[in-house]
N, C-alpha and C. Protein backbone atom coordinates (compact mmCIF):
# COMPACT_ATOMS: atom_id res chain seq x y z
N UNK A 1 79.95 91.98 129.97
CA UNK A 1 80.34 92.30 128.61
C UNK A 1 81.85 92.58 128.58
N UNK A 2 82.51 92.16 127.53
CA UNK A 2 83.94 92.38 127.42
C UNK A 2 84.25 93.37 126.31
N UNK A 3 85.44 93.92 126.37
CA UNK A 3 85.85 94.87 125.33
C UNK A 3 87.08 94.32 124.62
N UNK A 4 87.34 94.82 123.44
CA UNK A 4 88.50 94.39 122.67
C UNK A 4 89.48 95.55 122.61
N UNK A 5 90.70 95.28 123.07
CA UNK A 5 91.77 96.28 123.03
C UNK A 5 92.75 95.90 121.92
N UNK A 6 93.30 96.90 121.25
CA UNK A 6 94.36 96.67 120.28
C UNK A 6 95.65 97.12 120.94
N UNK A 7 96.60 96.19 121.02
CA UNK A 7 97.85 96.43 121.71
C UNK A 7 99.04 96.12 120.82
N UNK A 8 100.15 96.72 121.16
CA UNK A 8 101.42 96.38 120.52
C UNK A 8 102.09 95.36 121.43
N UNK A 9 102.30 94.14 120.92
CA UNK A 9 102.85 93.06 121.74
C UNK A 9 104.17 92.57 121.17
N UNK A 10 104.97 91.99 122.04
CA UNK A 10 106.20 91.34 121.62
C UNK A 10 106.27 89.97 122.29
N UNK A 11 107.41 89.31 122.20
CA UNK A 11 107.55 87.96 122.75
C UNK A 11 107.34 87.93 124.26
N UNK A 12 107.57 89.03 124.95
CA UNK A 12 107.41 89.07 126.40
C UNK A 12 105.97 89.34 126.82
N UNK A 13 105.18 89.99 125.98
CA UNK A 13 103.85 90.43 126.40
C UNK A 13 102.68 89.72 125.72
N UNK A 14 102.95 88.93 124.71
CA UNK A 14 101.85 88.23 124.02
C UNK A 14 101.23 87.19 124.94
N UNK A 15 99.94 86.92 124.77
CA UNK A 15 99.22 85.95 125.60
C UNK A 15 98.42 84.99 124.72
N UNK A 16 98.16 83.81 125.27
CA UNK A 16 97.24 82.88 124.61
C UNK A 16 95.89 83.59 124.52
N UNK A 17 95.25 83.51 123.37
CA UNK A 17 93.96 84.17 123.15
C UNK A 17 94.09 85.45 122.35
N UNK A 18 95.29 86.04 122.31
CA UNK A 18 95.49 87.24 121.49
C UNK A 18 95.28 86.87 120.02
N UNK A 19 94.74 87.80 119.27
CA UNK A 19 94.53 87.60 117.84
C UNK A 19 95.54 88.47 117.11
N UNK A 20 96.40 87.84 116.30
CA UNK A 20 97.49 88.54 115.63
C UNK A 20 97.42 88.36 114.12
N UNK A 21 97.92 89.34 113.37
CA UNK A 21 97.96 89.20 111.91
C UNK A 21 99.20 88.42 111.48
N UNK A 22 98.97 87.26 110.86
CA UNK A 22 100.06 86.44 110.34
C UNK A 22 99.65 85.95 108.96
N UNK A 23 100.49 86.17 107.99
CA UNK A 23 100.19 85.72 106.63
C UNK A 23 98.99 86.42 106.02
N UNK A 24 98.74 87.65 106.42
CA UNK A 24 97.64 88.43 105.86
C UNK A 24 96.28 88.17 106.48
N UNK A 25 96.23 87.32 107.50
CA UNK A 25 94.97 87.01 108.18
C UNK A 25 95.14 87.13 109.69
N UNK A 26 94.05 87.40 110.34
CA UNK A 26 94.09 87.44 111.81
C UNK A 26 93.84 86.04 112.34
N UNK A 27 94.72 85.63 113.25
CA UNK A 27 94.62 84.28 113.82
C UNK A 27 94.82 84.35 115.33
N UNK A 28 94.08 83.54 116.05
CA UNK A 28 94.19 83.50 117.51
C UNK A 28 95.35 82.60 117.92
N UNK A 29 96.06 83.01 118.95
CA UNK A 29 97.14 82.22 119.53
C UNK A 29 96.51 81.19 120.48
N UNK A 30 96.81 79.90 120.26
CA UNK A 30 96.24 78.85 121.12
C UNK A 30 97.27 78.22 122.04
N UNK A 31 98.56 78.39 121.73
CA UNK A 31 99.62 77.84 122.58
C UNK A 31 100.91 78.59 122.27
N UNK A 32 101.84 78.56 123.23
CA UNK A 32 103.13 79.23 123.05
C UNK A 32 104.21 78.39 123.70
N UNK A 33 105.41 78.49 123.16
CA UNK A 33 106.58 77.84 123.76
C UNK A 33 107.75 78.81 123.68
N UNK A 34 108.46 78.95 124.78
CA UNK A 34 109.63 79.83 124.81
C UNK A 34 110.74 79.23 123.97
N UNK A 35 111.41 80.07 123.22
CA UNK A 35 112.58 79.69 122.44
C UNK A 35 113.73 80.61 122.85
N UNK A 36 114.91 80.27 122.40
CA UNK A 36 116.09 81.05 122.77
C UNK A 36 115.94 82.53 122.42
N UNK A 37 115.37 82.82 121.29
CA UNK A 37 115.27 84.21 120.84
C UNK A 37 113.85 84.62 120.52
N UNK A 38 112.91 84.26 121.38
CA UNK A 38 111.53 84.66 121.17
C UNK A 38 110.57 83.60 121.65
N UNK A 39 109.38 83.58 121.02
CA UNK A 39 108.36 82.59 121.36
C UNK A 39 107.81 81.97 120.09
N UNK A 40 107.60 80.67 120.16
CA UNK A 40 106.98 79.95 119.06
C UNK A 40 105.48 79.91 119.35
N UNK A 41 104.71 80.56 118.51
CA UNK A 41 103.27 80.64 118.68
C UNK A 41 102.60 79.54 117.86
N UNK A 42 101.63 78.87 118.44
CA UNK A 42 100.78 77.95 117.70
C UNK A 42 99.45 78.66 117.50
N UNK A 43 99.02 78.76 116.26
CA UNK A 43 97.82 79.51 115.92
C UNK A 43 96.63 78.58 115.76
N UNK A 44 95.43 79.15 115.74
CA UNK A 44 94.20 78.37 115.74
C UNK A 44 94.07 77.41 114.56
N UNK A 45 94.74 77.70 113.45
CA UNK A 45 94.66 76.81 112.28
C UNK A 45 95.78 75.78 112.25
N UNK A 46 96.57 75.72 113.35
CA UNK A 46 97.64 74.74 113.44
C UNK A 46 98.99 75.24 112.96
N UNK A 47 99.02 76.39 112.32
CA UNK A 47 100.29 76.96 111.88
C UNK A 47 101.10 77.43 113.07
N UNK A 48 102.41 77.51 112.86
CA UNK A 48 103.27 78.06 113.90
C UNK A 48 103.94 79.32 113.36
N UNK A 49 104.32 80.18 114.29
CA UNK A 49 104.95 81.45 113.93
C UNK A 49 105.94 81.80 115.02
N UNK A 50 107.18 82.08 114.64
CA UNK A 50 108.19 82.48 115.62
C UNK A 50 108.15 83.99 115.77
N UNK A 51 107.77 84.45 116.94
CA UNK A 51 107.79 85.87 117.26
C UNK A 51 109.14 86.15 117.90
N UNK A 52 110.05 86.70 117.12
CA UNK A 52 111.41 86.92 117.55
C UNK A 52 111.50 88.10 118.52
N UNK A 53 112.52 88.06 119.38
CA UNK A 53 112.78 89.18 120.27
C UNK A 53 112.94 90.45 119.45
N UNK A 54 112.38 91.53 119.96
CA UNK A 54 112.51 92.82 119.28
C UNK A 54 111.50 93.06 118.17
N UNK A 55 110.70 92.06 117.85
CA UNK A 55 109.67 92.23 116.83
C UNK A 55 108.33 92.46 117.51
N UNK A 56 107.56 93.37 116.96
CA UNK A 56 106.26 93.71 117.54
C UNK A 56 105.14 93.42 116.56
N UNK A 57 104.00 93.06 117.10
CA UNK A 57 102.78 92.85 116.32
C UNK A 57 101.65 93.64 116.97
N UNK A 58 100.67 94.02 116.19
CA UNK A 58 99.45 94.60 116.75
C UNK A 58 98.50 93.44 117.02
N UNK A 59 98.12 93.28 118.27
CA UNK A 59 97.24 92.18 118.65
C UNK A 59 95.93 92.70 119.19
N UNK A 60 94.89 91.94 118.97
CA UNK A 60 93.58 92.23 119.58
C UNK A 60 93.46 91.32 120.79
N UNK A 61 93.10 91.93 121.91
CA UNK A 61 92.97 91.17 123.17
C UNK A 61 91.61 91.49 123.77
N UNK A 62 90.91 90.42 124.15
CA UNK A 62 89.62 90.60 124.80
C UNK A 62 89.85 90.78 126.29
N UNK A 63 89.31 91.85 126.82
CA UNK A 63 89.45 92.14 128.25
C UNK A 63 88.07 92.00 128.91
N UNK A 64 88.04 91.42 130.10
CA UNK A 64 86.74 91.25 130.80
C UNK A 64 86.13 92.57 131.21
């Protein structure tokens, strides 16, 4: 059985599979690419979101 943790993440600590609030909805991160000033996240619905350095989000992460 796994548990769900709520964490404060930034461009350095976010992981594929984390669920983040973007545009008023929670969306899972399916891919990431490093950018000069953060990470470009690809979300489960195909949208992209730039998580800039110094910006934090509350993410849900499933832990084994």
